[in-house]
Amino acid sequence: QVQVAESGGGSAQAGGSLRLSCAASGLTDSDMYVGWFRQAPGGGREAVATICIPDGRTWYGDSLKDRFTISQDSQDYAVKTVYLQMSSLEPEDSSMYYCATHGGCYGPPHRAEIYTTWGLGTQVTVSS
């Protein structure tokens, strides 16, 4: 059974940095998308960045590529860790951040509906 858990959220000042971690375990697929999404209160779920494991293809939301970086660290076949390094944070980045997995690197990676396993989320709050 695939499980996903986020960590690393917290508070930061505008202009600061945070690194989020997503630990995915129980994996059985040879390749997969891991995506970061965010959702602010009253807003829709927004795709932030995605990565295909193991080939490393990435996708970023508009205007985020200059400030956010997604990367992977594969400990073994069944356990993967994906990081989201966030820099030059803005108050508008405040949101609940979720990690999700999709078995196989096919389909539009930014579409939340293709992801089958989701974490509980980690809160990011950026103050001005």
Protein backbone atom coordinates (compact mmCIF):
# COMPACT_ATOMS: atom_id res chain seq x y z
CA GLN A 1 0.00 0.00 0.00
CA VAL A 2 1.43 3.34 -1.06
CA GLN A 3 1.72 5.94 1.67
CA VAL A 4 2.73 9.56 1.33
CA ALA A 5 3.77 11.93 4.10
CA GLU A 6 4.79 15.59 3.88
CA SER A 7 7.04 17.47 6.27
CA GLY A 8 8.98 20.70 6.46
CA GLY A 9 6.23 23.27 6.48
CA GLY A 10 6.19 26.18 8.88
CA SER A 11 6.49 29.93 9.01
CA ALA A 12 8.86 32.16 7.09
CA GLN A 13 9.38 35.81 6.38
CA ALA A 14 8.85 37.15 2.89
CA GLY A 15 12.03 36.60 0.94
CA GLY A 16 12.95 33.59 3.01
CA SER A 17 13.17 29.91 2.15
CA LEU A 18 11.64 26.61 3.20
CA ARG A 19 12.21 23.05 2.05
CA LEU A 20 9.35 20.61 2.00
CA SER A 21 9.87 16.85 1.97
CA CYS A 22 7.58 14.15 0.64
CA ALA A 23 8.26 10.58 1.70
CA ALA A 24 6.54 7.99 -0.47
CA SER A 25 6.71 4.37 0.61
CA GLY A 26 5.21 1.07 -0.40
CA LEU A 27 5.85 1.80 -4.05
CA THR A 28 5.63 -0.88 -6.70
CA ASP A 29 5.70 1.03 -9.98
CA SER A 30 8.95 1.34 -11.91
CA ASP A 31 8.17 4.96 -12.71
CA MET A 32 5.81 7.49 -11.26
CA TYR A 33 4.84 11.12 -10.99
CA VAL A 34 5.23 12.81 -7.64
CA GLY A 35 3.52 16.16 -7.49
CA TRP A 36 3.30 19.08 -5.09
CA PHE A 37 0.01 20.92 -4.96
CA ARG A 38 -1.25 23.71 -2.75
CA GLN A 39 -4.61 24.91 -1.62
CA ALA A 40 -5.38 28.07 0.27
CA PRO A 41 -8.60 28.48 2.29
CA GLY A 42 -11.49 29.10 -0.08
CA GLY A 43 -9.33 28.42 -3.12
CA GLY A 44 -8.89 25.58 -5.55
CA ARG A 45 -6.09 23.05 -5.58
CA GLU A 46 -3.17 24.44 -7.57
CA ALA A 47 -0.35 22.41 -9.09
CA VAL A 48 3.02 23.69 -7.91
CA ALA A 49 5.62 21.30 -9.33
CA THR A 50 5.87 17.70 -10.43
CA ILE A 51 8.66 15.27 -11.14
CA CYS A 52 8.83 11.95 -12.97
CA ILE A 53 10.79 9.30 -11.10
CA PRO A 54 13.29 8.07 -12.09
CA ASP A 55 13.96 10.09 -15.25
CA GLY A 56 13.67 13.45 -13.52
CA ARG A 57 11.38 15.28 -15.95
CA THR A 58 9.88 18.25 -14.14
CA TRP A 59 6.94 20.57 -14.54
CA TYR A 60 6.38 23.87 -12.73
CA GLY A 61 3.43 26.15 -12.32
CA ASP A 62 3.55 29.51 -14.04
CA SER A 63 5.96 31.93 -12.38
CA LEU A 64 7.14 29.37 -9.85
CA LYS A 65 10.10 27.89 -11.71
CA ASP A 66 12.31 30.83 -10.83
CA ARG A 67 11.70 30.39 -7.12
CA PHE A 68 10.86 26.71 -6.54
CA THR A 69 12.87 23.60 -7.28
CA ILE A 70 11.63 20.02 -7.14
CA SER A 71 14.12 17.18 -6.76
CA GLN A 72 14.22 13.49 -5.88
CA ASP A 73 16.25 11.24 -3.63
CA SER A 74 15.53 7.57 -4.20
CA GLN A 75 16.68 5.43 -1.32
CA ASP A 76 15.54 2.22 -2.91
CA TYR A 77 12.90 0.85 -5.21
CA ALA A 78 10.06 1.10 -2.71
CA VAL A 79 10.92 4.37 -0.97
CA LYS A 80 11.29 7.75 -2.59
CA THR A 81 11.76 11.20 -1.17
CA VAL A 82 10.90 14.28 -3.18
CA TYR A 83 11.85 17.75 -2.05
CA LEU A 84 10.36 21.12 -2.86
CA GLN A 85 12.88 23.89 -2.24
CA MET A 86 11.05 27.19 -2.02
CA SER A 87 13.00 30.45 -2.14
CA SER A 88 12.10 34.13 -2.30
CA LEU A 89 8.87 33.29 -0.56
CA GLU A 90 5.94 35.66 -0.90
CA PRO A 91 2.87 36.01 1.33
CA GLU A 92 0.87 34.64 -1.61
CA ASP A 93 2.71 31.34 -1.20
CA SER A 94 0.94 30.79 2.12
CA SER A 95 -1.12 27.66 1.73
CA MET A 96 -1.51 24.02 2.67
CA TYR A 97 0.94 22.05 0.54
CA TYR A 98 0.13 18.48 -0.47
CA CYS A 99 2.24 15.75 -2.02
CA ALA A 100 0.68 13.12 -4.25
CA THR A 101 1.72 10.16 -6.37
CA HIS A 102 0.57 8.74 -9.70
CA GLY A 103 1.83 5.37 -10.90
CA GLY A 104 3.50 5.83 -14.26
CA CYS A 105 4.76 8.96 -15.99
CA TYR A 106 1.90 9.50 -18.38
CA GLY A 107 -0.93 11.96 -18.55
CA PRO A 108 -0.79 15.66 -17.78
CA PRO A 109 1.35 15.87 -14.63
CA HIS A 110 -0.27 19.07 -13.42
CA ARG A 111 -3.77 17.62 -13.30
CA ALA A 112 -4.63 16.73 -9.70
CA GLU A 113 -7.25 14.19 -10.75
CA ILE A 114 -4.68 11.74 -12.11
CA TYR A 115 -3.00 11.39 -8.70
CA THR A 116 -4.23 8.49 -6.61
CA THR A 117 -2.42 8.78 -3.29
CA TRP A 118 -2.27 12.00 -1.28
CA GLY A 119 -0.63 13.06 1.94
CA LEU A 120 -2.36 15.00 4.69
CA GLY A 121 -0.56 18.21 3.82
CA THR A 122 1.85 20.59 5.52
CA GLN A 123 1.09 24.24 6.21
CA VAL A 124 3.29 27.03 4.90
CA THR A 125 2.76 30.56 6.20
CA VAL A 126 4.72 33.49 4.83
CA SER A 127 4.53 36.83 6.57
CA SER A 128 5.34 40.19 5.06
